[in-house]
Protein backbone atom coordinates (compact mmCIF):
# COMPACT_ATOMS: atom_id res chain seq x y z
CA MET A 1 -0.01 0.03 0.00
CA VAL A 2 1.45 3.34 -1.07
CA GLY A 3 -0.38 6.33 0.46
CA ASN A 4 -4.11 5.60 0.20
CA PHE A 5 -3.61 3.22 -2.75
CA LYS A 6 -2.83 -0.47 -2.94
CA ALA A 7 -0.41 -0.87 -5.80
CA MET A 8 -0.13 -4.00 -7.93
CA LYS A 9 2.29 -4.38 -10.83
CA HIS A 10 1.12 -6.97 -13.35
CA ASN A 11 3.97 -6.75 -15.79
CA ALA A 12 6.30 -4.09 -17.29
CA TYR A 13 3.43 -2.22 -18.91
CA SER A 14 0.44 -2.93 -16.57
CA ALA A 15 -0.10 -1.78 -13.01
CA THR A 16 -3.21 -0.93 -10.92
CA HIS A 17 -3.64 1.35 -7.96
CA THR A 18 -6.76 0.60 -5.91
CA MET A 19 -8.47 2.21 -2.95
CA VAL A 20 -11.71 1.56 -1.09
CA PHE A 21 -14.18 4.20 0.15
CA PHE A 22 -17.71 4.19 1.58
CA SER A 23 -20.97 6.01 1.05
CA LYS A 24 -23.72 5.42 3.61
CA GLU A 25 -21.94 2.18 4.63
CA LYS A 26 -21.88 0.92 1.02
CA GLU A 27 -18.34 -0.04 0.01
CA TYR A 28 -16.90 1.18 -3.30
CA GLU A 29 -13.64 0.27 -5.06
CA LEU A 30 -11.83 2.81 -7.16
CA ASN A 31 -9.27 1.43 -9.66
CA LEU A 32 -6.64 3.32 -11.57
CA GLN A 33 -5.09 1.25 -14.45
CA SER A 34 -1.86 2.32 -16.00
CA LEU A 35 -2.08 2.70 -19.83
CA SER A 36 0.38 3.44 -22.56
CA GLU A 37 0.87 2.78 -26.26
CA PHE A 38 2.26 -0.66 -25.10
CA ASN A 39 -0.82 -1.45 -22.96
CA LEU A 40 -4.14 -0.58 -24.50
CA ILE A 41 -5.74 -3.96 -23.84
CA ASP A 42 -6.49 -2.96 -20.19
CA SER A 43 -8.52 0.07 -21.24
CA SER A 44 -12.21 0.59 -21.99
CA VAL A 45 -11.26 3.79 -23.76
CA ILE A 46 -10.67 3.52 -27.56
CA PHE A 47 -7.73 5.73 -28.46
CA PRO A 48 -7.27 7.16 -31.99
CA GLU A 49 -4.43 5.69 -34.01
CA ASP A 50 -1.07 7.25 -33.10
CA TYR A 51 -2.43 8.82 -29.89
CA ILE A 52 0.33 10.52 -27.94
CA PHE A 53 0.48 9.57 -24.29
CA SER A 54 2.13 11.74 -21.62
CA LYS A 55 5.63 10.77 -20.71
CA SER A 56 4.49 11.24 -17.06
CA GLY A 57 1.98 8.38 -17.38
CA CYS A 58 -1.67 7.78 -18.14
CA TRP A 59 -4.14 6.12 -15.88
CA GLU A 60 -7.75 5.08 -16.51
CA ILE A 61 -10.25 5.77 -13.78
CA SER A 62 -13.07 3.34 -12.88
CA PHE A 63 -15.07 2.70 -9.72
CA ASP A 64 -18.03 0.63 -8.70
CA LEU A 65 -19.86 -0.79 -5.73
CA ILE A 66 -18.16 -3.87 -4.31
CA GLU A 67 -21.54 -5.65 -4.28
CA ASN A 68 -21.84 -5.07 -8.04
CA MET A 69 -18.44 -6.73 -8.52
CA ILE A 70 -19.44 -9.74 -6.40
CA ASN A 71 -22.80 -10.07 -8.13
CA ARG A 72 -21.26 -9.46 -11.60
CA THR A 73 -23.69 -6.58 -12.22
CA HIS A 74 -20.94 -4.11 -13.05
CA PHE A 75 -21.91 -0.47 -12.89
CA ALA A 76 -25.52 -1.23 -11.95
CA PRO A 77 -26.93 1.89 -10.18
CA PRO A 78 -27.38 1.56 -6.36
CA GLU A 79 -30.79 1.40 -4.87
CA LYS A 80 -32.34 4.86 -4.40
CA GLU A 81 -31.24 6.50 -1.08
CA MET A 82 -28.71 3.78 -0.47
CA VAL A 83 -25.75 5.95 -1.29
CA ASN A 84 -25.04 9.70 -1.54
CA PRO A 85 -24.06 10.30 -5.21
CA ILE A 86 -22.47 13.73 -4.45
CA ALA A 87 -20.32 12.14 -1.66
CA VAL A 88 -19.35 9.28 -4.01
CA MET A 89 -18.22 11.71 -6.73
CA ARG A 90 -16.33 13.88 -4.25
CA ALA A 91 -14.55 10.76 -2.95
CA VAL A 92 -13.61 9.93 -6.50
CA GLU A 93 -12.48 13.46 -7.20
CA ARG A 94 -10.39 13.49 -3.98
CA ALA A 95 -8.82 10.15 -4.92
CA ILE A 96 -7.78 11.49 -8.40
CA PHE A 97 -6.19 14.57 -6.88
CA ASP A 98 -4.51 12.47 -4.10
CA HIS A 99 -3.15 10.11 -6.75
CA TYR A 100 -1.91 13.03 -8.87
CA ASN A 101 -0.24 14.66 -5.87
CA GLU A 102 1.46 11.33 -4.88
CA TYR A 103 2.50 10.21 -8.38
CA LYS A 104 2.63 13.41 -10.53
CA VAL A 105 0.78 11.62 -13.40
CA GLY A 106 0.47 13.38 -16.74
CA MET A 107 -3.06 12.39 -17.69
CA TYR A 108 -6.17 10.44 -16.61
CA VAL A 109 -8.78 9.01 -18.85
CA PHE A 110 -12.35 7.85 -18.16
CA PHE A 111 -15.40 6.52 -19.91
CA PRO A 112 -18.73 7.28 -18.13
CA ASP A 113 -21.06 4.39 -18.25
CA ASN A 114 -24.23 6.51 -18.64
CA ASP A 115 -25.42 10.08 -19.31
CA LYS A 116 -26.15 10.88 -15.66
CA LEU A 117 -22.63 9.81 -14.54
CA GLU A 118 -21.13 11.72 -17.47
CA HIS A 119 -22.93 14.87 -16.31
CA VAL A 120 -21.78 14.52 -12.72
CA TYR A 121 -18.16 13.77 -13.76
CA ARG A 122 -18.09 16.81 -16.00
CA ARG A 123 -19.57 19.15 -13.39
CA LEU A 124 -17.26 18.11 -10.59
CA ILE A 125 -14.11 17.97 -12.76
CA GLU A 126 -14.77 21.28 -14.49
CA ARG A 127 -15.37 22.89 -11.08
CA ARG A 128 -11.95 21.71 -9.91
CA LEU A 129 -9.93 22.36 -13.05
CA GLY A 130 -7.45 25.12 -13.05
CA ASN A 131 -3.75 25.63 -12.35
CA GLY A 132 -2.78 23.80 -15.57
CA PHE A 133 -5.40 21.09 -15.61
CA THR A 134 -7.46 20.68 -18.83
CA LEU A 135 -10.36 18.45 -19.75
CA GLU A 136 -10.63 17.09 -23.23
CA LEU A 137 -14.14 15.95 -24.22
CA GLY A 138 -15.16 13.43 -26.89
CA LEU A 139 -12.20 11.12 -27.31
CA GLY A 140 -12.87 7.86 -29.12
CA PRO A 141 -15.56 6.78 -31.61
CA ASP A 142 -18.40 7.07 -29.08
CA ARG A 143 -17.28 10.68 -28.32
CA ARG A 144 -17.86 9.90 -24.59
CA GLU A 145 -14.32 9.23 -23.52
CA TYR A 146 -12.48 11.97 -21.59
CA VAL A 147 -8.91 12.98 -20.83
CA ILE A 148 -7.77 15.05 -17.90
CA ARG A 149 -4.41 16.55 -18.65
CA THR A 150 -2.44 17.57 -15.62
CA PRO A 151 0.33 20.24 -15.26
CA LYS A 152 2.79 17.30 -15.66
CA CYS A 153 1.43 16.18 -18.96
CA TYR A 154 3.94 17.80 -21.25
């Protein structure tokens, strides 16, 4: 465990950093998967041909309820009133900034599973962007993939 993240190296091109957080006693797992031009198989994001990755690293963000993982109902929405969506997104936001501060990553990518999650992601991230952070919208053929470029990107 490094900082708040459990780190696992799978091979020379693949690593994950994982952390757990709670919302109304419901357990979530946030995963950050390292990506590069040598490791695109671990990504749900479809990158354009000849995409240029940051030399400071690229990590894909995903999170889900632990019970969804156990039940194999990935990304199924929680029962109404069982979690606090704003608290969940703030925990994800905090985790991204903690990861950035610890590892000085150049970019993060994510692919929202649905329109509601996409709206919440955009609102929270755009609120916190500044000081050299930029948000690219519409990466990939679905035009729903996003890139957060940090001040360490270039």
